C-alpha atoms as a PDB file:
ATOM      1  CA  UNK A   1       0.118  -0.226   0.062  1.00  0.00           C
ATOM      2  CA  UNK A   2       1.558   3.476  -0.911  1.00  0.00           C
ATOM      3  CA  UNK A   3       1.814   5.741   1.909  1.00  0.00           C
ATOM      4  CA  UNK A   4       0.256   9.141   2.114  1.00  0.00           C
ATOM      5  CA  UNK A   5       2.299  12.205   2.996  1.00  0.00           C
ATOM      6  CA  UNK A   6       0.021  14.870   4.575  1.00  0.00           C
ATOM      7  CA  UNK A   7       2.081  18.360   5.624  1.00  0.00           C
ATOM      8  CA  UNK A   8       0.478  21.007   6.959  1.00  0.00           C
ATOM      9  CA  UNK A   9       1.041  24.566   4.876  1.00  0.00           C
ATOM     10  CA  UNK A  10       4.174  26.802   5.944  1.00  0.00           C
ATOM     11  CA  UNK A  11       3.612  29.786   7.930  1.00  0.00           C
ATOM     12  CA  UNK A  12       0.979  32.561   6.346  1.00  0.00           C
ATOM     13  CA  UNK A  13       1.242  36.010   6.134  1.00  0.00           C
ATOM     14  CA  UNK A  14      -2.133  36.719   8.398  1.00  0.00           C
ATOM     15  CA  UNK A  15      -3.706  34.632  11.097  1.00  0.00           C
ATOM     16  CA  UNK A  16      -7.295  34.130   9.882  1.00  0.00           C
ATOM     17  CA  UNK A  17      -9.974  36.272  10.546  1.00  0.00           C
ATOM     18  CA  UNK A  18      -7.554  39.404   9.967  1.00  0.00           C
ATOM     19  CA  UNK A  19      -8.386  41.415   6.586  1.00  0.00           C
ATOM     20  CA  UNK A  20      -7.406  38.634   4.265  1.00  0.00           C
ATOM     21  CA  UNK A  21      -9.540  35.844   5.001  1.00  0.00           C
ATOM     22  CA  UNK A  22      -7.480  33.501   2.521  1.00  0.00           C
ATOM     23  CA  UNK A  23      -3.728  34.534   3.224  1.00  0.00           C
ATOM     24  CA  UNK A  24      -0.445  33.361   1.107  1.00  0.00           C
ATOM     25  CA  UNK A  25       2.792  32.186   2.689  1.00  0.00           C
ATOM     26  CA  UNK A  26       4.986  34.744   4.224  1.00  0.00           C
ATOM     27  CA  UNK A  27       9.105  34.387   3.403  1.00  0.00           C
ATOM     28  CA  UNK A  28       9.638  32.288   6.123  1.00  0.00           C
ATOM     29  CA  UNK A  29       6.635  30.089   5.124  1.00  0.00           C
ATOM     30  CA  UNK A  30       7.868  29.949   1.706  1.00  0.00           C
ATOM     31  CA  UNK A  31      11.393  28.524   2.567  1.00  0.00           C
ATOM     32  CA  UNK A  32       9.355  25.937   4.843  1.00  0.00           C
ATOM     33  CA  UNK A  33       7.643  25.034   1.646  1.00  0.00           C
ATOM     34  CA  UNK A  34      10.925  24.507  -0.617  1.00  0.00           C
ATOM     35  CA  UNK A  35      12.442  22.724   2.761  1.00  0.00           C
ATOM     36  CA  UNK A  36       9.382  20.545   2.472  1.00  0.00           C
ATOM     37  CA  UNK A  37       9.709  19.828  -0.917  1.00  0.00           C
ATOM     38  CA  UNK A  38      13.238  18.663  -0.393  1.00  0.00           C
ATOM     39  CA  UNK A  39      12.253  16.411   2.310  1.00  0.00           C
ATOM     40  CA  UNK A  40       9.740  15.083   0.287  1.00  0.00           C
ATOM     41  CA  UNK A  41      11.878  15.070  -3.047  1.00  0.00           C
ATOM     42  CA  UNK A  42      14.139  12.885  -0.855  1.00  0.00           C
ATOM     43  CA  UNK A  43      11.923  10.075   0.386  1.00  0.00           C
ATOM     44  CA  UNK A  44      12.817   6.666  -1.537  1.00  0.00           C
ATOM     45  CA  UNK A  45       8.776   5.960  -2.109  1.00  0.00           C
ATOM     46  CA  UNK A  46       8.534   9.652  -2.673  1.00  0.00           C
ATOM     47  CA  UNK A  47       4.558  10.839  -3.503  1.00  0.00           C
ATOM     48  CA  UNK A  48       3.903  11.286  -7.153  1.00  0.00           C
ATOM     49  CA  UNK A  49       1.161  13.058  -7.341  1.00  0.00           C
ATOM     50  CA  UNK A  50       0.221  16.704  -4.927  1.00  0.00           C
ATOM     51  CA  UNK A  51      -3.175  17.297  -3.383  1.00  0.00           C
ATOM     52  CA  UNK A  52      -3.904  20.232  -2.028  1.00  0.00           C
ATOM     53  CA  UNK A  53      -6.624  22.653   0.138  1.00  0.00           C
ATOM     54  CA  UNK A  54      -8.420  24.875  -2.047  1.00  0.00           C
ATOM     55  CA  UNK A  55      -6.644  27.724   0.339  1.00  0.00           C
ATOM     56  CA  UNK A  56      -3.921  29.612  -1.081  1.00  0.00           C
ATOM     57  CA  UNK A  57      -1.176  29.146   2.220  1.00  0.00           C
ATOM     58  CA  UNK A  58      -1.598  25.249   1.058  1.00  0.00           C
ATOM     59  CA  UNK A  59      -1.617  26.159  -2.601  1.00  0.00           C
ATOM     60  CA  UNK A  60       1.476  27.752  -2.011  1.00  0.00           C
ATOM     61  CA  UNK A  61       3.176  25.171   0.400  1.00  0.00           C
ATOM     62  CA  UNK A  62       2.533  22.461  -2.492  1.00  0.00           C
ATOM     63  CA  UNK A  63       3.758  24.535  -5.397  1.00  0.00           C
ATOM     64  CA  UNK A  64       7.508  23.887  -4.956  1.00  0.00           C
ATOM     65  CA  UNK A  65       6.761  19.969  -4.763  1.00  0.00           C
ATOM     66  CA  UNK A  66       4.986  20.145  -7.638  1.00  0.00           C
ATOM     67  CA  UNK A  67       6.841  21.958  -9.665  1.00  0.00           C
ATOM     68  CA  UNK A  68       9.818  19.673  -9.138  1.00  0.00           C
ATOM     69  CA  UNK A  69       7.652  16.697  -9.916  1.00  0.00           C
ATOM     70  CA  UNK A  70       6.345  18.591 -12.989  1.00  0.00           C
ATOM     71  CA  UNK A  71       2.661  17.505 -12.275  1.00  0.00           C
ATOM     72  CA  UNK A  72      -0.428  19.733 -11.182  1.00  0.00           C
ATOM     73  CA  UNK A  73      -1.327  20.307  -7.838  1.00  0.00           C
ATOM     74  CA  UNK A  74      -4.968  18.853  -7.666  1.00  0.00           C
ATOM     75  CA  UNK A  75      -7.524  20.381  -5.271  1.00  0.00           C
ATOM     76  CA  UNK A  76      -9.289  18.668  -2.753  1.00  0.00           C
ATOM     77  CA  UNK A  77     -11.686  20.980  -0.582  1.00  0.00           C
ATOM     78  CA  UNK A  78     -12.479  17.766   1.766  1.00  0.00           C
ATOM     79  CA  UNK A  79      -8.755  18.339   3.035  1.00  0.00           C
ATOM     80  CA  UNK A  80      -9.953  22.211   3.946  1.00  0.00           C
ATOM     81  CA  UNK A  81     -10.456  23.942   7.188  1.00  0.00           C
ATOM     82  CA  UNK A  82     -12.359  23.015   9.380  1.00  0.00           C
ATOM     83  CA  UNK A  83     -15.997  25.053   8.533  1.00  0.00           C
ATOM     84  CA  UNK A  84     -17.037  27.287  10.881  1.00  0.00           C
ATOM     85  CA  UNK A  85     -20.956  27.310  11.782  1.00  0.00           C
ATOM     86  CA  UNK A  86     -22.952  29.538   9.614  1.00  0.00           C
ATOM     87  CA  UNK A  87     -24.271  31.803  12.056  1.00  0.00           C
ATOM     88  CA  UNK A  88     -20.593  32.322  13.634  1.00  0.00           C
ATOM     89  CA  UNK A  89     -19.316  35.475  12.763  1.00  0.00           C
ATOM     90  CA  UNK A  90     -15.524  35.875  11.285  1.00  0.00           C
ATOM     91  CA  UNK A  91     -14.141  37.496  14.170  1.00  0.00           C
ATOM     92  CA  UNK A  92     -15.403  34.466  16.479  1.00  0.00           C
ATOM     93  CA  UNK A  93     -13.745  32.065  14.821  1.00  0.00           C
ATOM     94  CA  UNK A  94     -10.803  32.129  16.875  1.00  0.00           C
ATOM     95  CA  UNK A  95     -12.655  31.679  20.227  1.00  0.00           C
ATOM     96  CA  UNK A  96     -14.929  29.257  18.717  1.00  0.00           C
ATOM     97  CA  UNK A  97     -11.802  26.868  17.638  1.00  0.00           C
ATOM     98  CA  UNK A  98      -9.986  27.505  21.209  1.00  0.00           C
ATOM     99  CA  UNK A  99     -13.051  26.042  23.103  1.00  0.00           C
ATOM    100  CA  UNK A 100     -13.208  23.375  20.413  1.00  0.00           C
ATOM    101  CA  UNK A 101      -9.894  22.105  21.263  1.00  0.00           C
ATOM    102  CA  UNK A 102     -10.197  21.709  24.453  1.00  0.00           C
ATOM    103  CA  UNK A 103     -12.992  18.616  23.799  1.00  0.00           C
ATOM    104  CA  UNK A 104     -14.105  15.724  21.551  1.00  0.00           C
ATOM    105  CA  UNK A 105     -15.150  15.627  18.017  1.00  0.00           C
ATOM    106  CA  UNK A 106     -19.055  15.002  19.468  1.00  0.00           C
ATOM    107  CA  UNK A 107     -18.768  17.782  21.622  1.00  0.00           C
ATOM    108  CA  UNK A 108     -17.962  21.131  19.309  1.00  0.00           C
ATOM    109  CA  UNK A 109     -20.803  23.205  19.195  1.00  0.00           C
ATOM    110  CA  UNK A 110     -22.370  24.399  15.714  1.00  0.00           C
ATOM    111  CA  UNK A 111     -25.076  23.247  13.081  1.00  0.00           C
ATOM    112  CA  UNK A 112     -22.541  21.087  11.612  1.00  0.00           C
ATOM    113  CA  UNK A 113     -21.897  17.347  12.169  1.00  0.00           C
ATOM    114  CA  UNK A 114     -18.289  17.502  12.715  1.00  0.00           C
ATOM    115  CA  UNK A 115     -17.610  13.785  13.659  1.00  0.00           C
ATOM    116  CA  UNK A 116     -18.604  13.465  10.004  1.00  0.00           C
ATOM    117  CA  UNK A 117     -16.439  15.955   8.969  1.00  0.00           C
ATOM    118  CA  UNK A 118     -13.693  14.207  10.720  1.00  0.00           C
ATOM    119  CA  UNK A 119     -14.392  10.998   8.955  1.00  0.00           C
ATOM    120  CA  UNK A 120     -15.040  12.550   6.040  1.00  0.00           C
ATOM    121  CA  UNK A 121     -10.878  14.343   6.608  1.00  0.00           C
ATOM    122  CA  UNK A 122     -10.153  10.683   7.261  1.00  0.00           C
ATOM    123  CA  UNK A 123     -11.179   9.294   4.001  1.00  0.00           C
ATOM    124  CA  UNK A 124     -10.280  11.907   1.587  1.00  0.00           C
ATOM    125  CA  UNK A 125      -6.537  11.446   2.685  1.00  0.00           C
ATOM    126  CA  UNK A 126      -7.201   7.276   3.033  1.00  0.00           C
ATOM    127  CA  UNK A 127      -8.308   7.713  -0.512  1.00  0.00           C
ATOM    128  CA  UNK A 128      -4.757   9.714  -1.770  1.00  0.00           C
ATOM    129  CA  UNK A 129      -2.282   6.987  -1.251  1.00  0.00           C
ATOM    130  CA  UNK A 130       0.878   7.645  -3.095  1.00  0.00           C
ATOM    131  CA  UNK A 131       0.350  11.220  -2.751  1.00  0.00           C
ATOM    132  CA  UNK A 132       1.397  14.602  -0.757  1.00  0.00           C
ATOM    133  CA  UNK A 133      -1.342  16.333   0.326  1.00  0.00           C
ATOM    134  CA  UNK A 134      -1.386  19.982   1.833  1.00  0.00           C
ATOM    135  CA  UNK A 135      -3.755  20.536   4.526  1.00  0.00           C
ATOM    136  CA  UNK A 136      -4.274  22.356   7.975  1.00  0.00           C
ATOM    137  CA  UNK A 137      -3.817  21.974  11.287  1.00  0.00           C
ATOM    138  CA  UNK A 138      -7.390  21.244  12.379  1.00  0.00           C
ATOM    139  CA  UNK A 139      -7.825  18.590   9.415  1.00  0.00           C
ATOM    140  CA  UNK A 140      -4.606  17.030  10.088  1.00  0.00           C
ATOM    141  CA  UNK A 141      -5.664  16.167  13.663  1.00  0.00           C
ATOM    142  CA  UNK A 142      -9.284  14.849  12.156  1.00  0.00           C
ATOM    143  CA  UNK A 143      -6.859  12.506  10.168  1.00  0.00           C
ATOM    144  CA  UNK A 144      -4.383  11.380  13.359  1.00  0.00           C
ATOM    145  CA  UNK A 145      -7.225  11.119  15.533  1.00  0.00           C
ATOM    146  CA  UNK A 146      -9.250   9.314  13.269  1.00  0.00           C
ATOM    147  CA  UNK A 147      -6.713   6.741  12.718  1.00  0.00           C
ATOM    148  CA  UNK A 148      -6.038   6.364  16.545  1.00  0.00           C
ATOM    149  CA  UNK A 149      -9.155   6.146  17.581  1.00  0.00           C
ATOM    150  CA  UNK A 150      -8.887   8.899  19.597  1.00  0.00           C
ATOM    151  CA  UNK A 151     -12.039  11.160  20.082  1.00  0.00           C
ATOM    152  CA  UNK A 152     -10.075  14.466  21.532  1.00  0.00           C
ATOM    153  CA  UNK A 153     -10.001  17.130  18.899  1.00  0.00           C
ATOM    154  CA  UNK A 154      -6.623  17.920  19.649  1.00  0.00           C
ATOM    155  CA  UNK A 155      -4.537  15.574  20.193  1.00  0.00           C
ATOM    156  CA  UNK A 156      -1.721  16.716  17.869  1.00  0.00           C
ATOM    157  CA  UNK A 157       0.344  19.628  17.178  1.00  0.00           C
ATOM    158  CA  UNK A 158       1.362  20.012  13.780  1.00  0.00           C
ATOM    159  CA  UNK A 159       4.255  22.338  13.141  1.00  0.00           C
ATOM    160  CA  UNK A 160       4.394  24.706   9.738  1.00  0.00           C
ATOM    161  CA  UNK A 161       5.198  21.999   6.818  1.00  0.00           C
ATOM    162  CA  UNK A 162       5.665  19.030   9.484  1.00  0.00           C
ATOM    163  CA  UNK A 163       5.082  15.823   7.375  1.00  0.00           C
ATOM    164  CA  UNK A 164       2.867  13.440   9.209  1.00  0.00           C
ATOM    165  CA  UNK A 165       2.933   9.699   7.527  1.00  0.00           C
ATOM    166  CA  UNK A 166       0.013   7.227   7.118  1.00  0.00           C
ATOM    167  CA  UNK A 167      -1.166   4.121   4.971  1.00  0.00           C
ATOM    168  CA  UNK A 168      -4.372   3.484   4.114  1.00  0.00           C
ATOM    169  CA  UNK A 169      -5.589   0.349   5.161  1.00  0.00           C
ATOM    170  CA  UNK A 170      -9.075  -1.904   4.926  1.00  0.00           C
ATOM    171  CA  UNK A 171     -10.284  -0.593   8.090  1.00  0.00           C
ATOM    172  CA  UNK A 172      -9.061   3.184   7.862  1.00  0.00           C
ATOM    173  CA  UNK A 173      -6.021   4.974   8.307  1.00  0.00           C
ATOM    174  CA  UNK A 174      -2.359   3.551   9.848  1.00  0.00           C
ATOM    175  CA  UNK A 175      -0.765   6.297  11.188  1.00  0.00           C
ATOM    176  CA  UNK A 176       3.123   5.605  10.149  1.00  0.00           C
ATOM    177  CA  UNK A 177       4.779   8.422  11.960  1.00  0.00           C
ATOM    178  CA  UNK A 178       3.316  12.115  13.371  1.00  0.00           C
ATOM    179  CA  UNK A 179       4.990  15.091  12.002  1.00  0.00           C
ATOM    180  CA  UNK A 180       7.083  17.491  14.133  1.00  0.00           C
ATOM    181  CA  UNK A 181       4.883  19.514  16.485  1.00  0.00           C
ATOM    182  CA  UNK A 182       4.762  23.206  17.061  1.00  0.00           C
ATOM    183  CA  UNK A 183       6.669  24.478  19.766  1.00  0.00           C
ATOM    184  CA  UNK A 184       4.082  27.614  20.417  1.00  0.00           C
ATOM    185  CA  UNK A 185      -0.004  27.456  20.367  1.00  0.00           C
ATOM    186  CA  UNK A 186      -2.147  27.827  17.284  1.00  0.00           C
ATOM    187  CA  UNK A 187      -4.542  31.075  17.444  1.00  0.00           C
END
């Protein structure tokens, strides 16, 4: 079974909820993306496809690796950011996420079924065997928690451009290795 490499995007030029709701990478993030591409290229079983969340910071993180492989970046919205409840104002998203981080997937408040969202993320990741998938902090937590059968919403703090490795299996995802963890809190 071919592995899936799930990569968190590089450092963005702005935080979510600022003036730009879809920021690209800052200079540090661009350097992180180049470094991640080099790590992926050096793998003995390096991915042959490049998949990304639709958001700019992920697409920009994926571009150096896609360019090196000579392939197009495939967009998969299923590995995008966790959806904000419809009634929640953009400026309230950080507080909503902080509250959710301390609980379980079944306890997340909102008008969406976040356990189903988590399962959909895991299915999407499992469906991209042989690919490098560029995604987000919460989506990576969804895949990791699904693979481990852990109901906590946040059990892992992936750093920018950390690479988490999975193998798809008949019963879902198998976590092979967690990526580098962040030293600082998200949000």
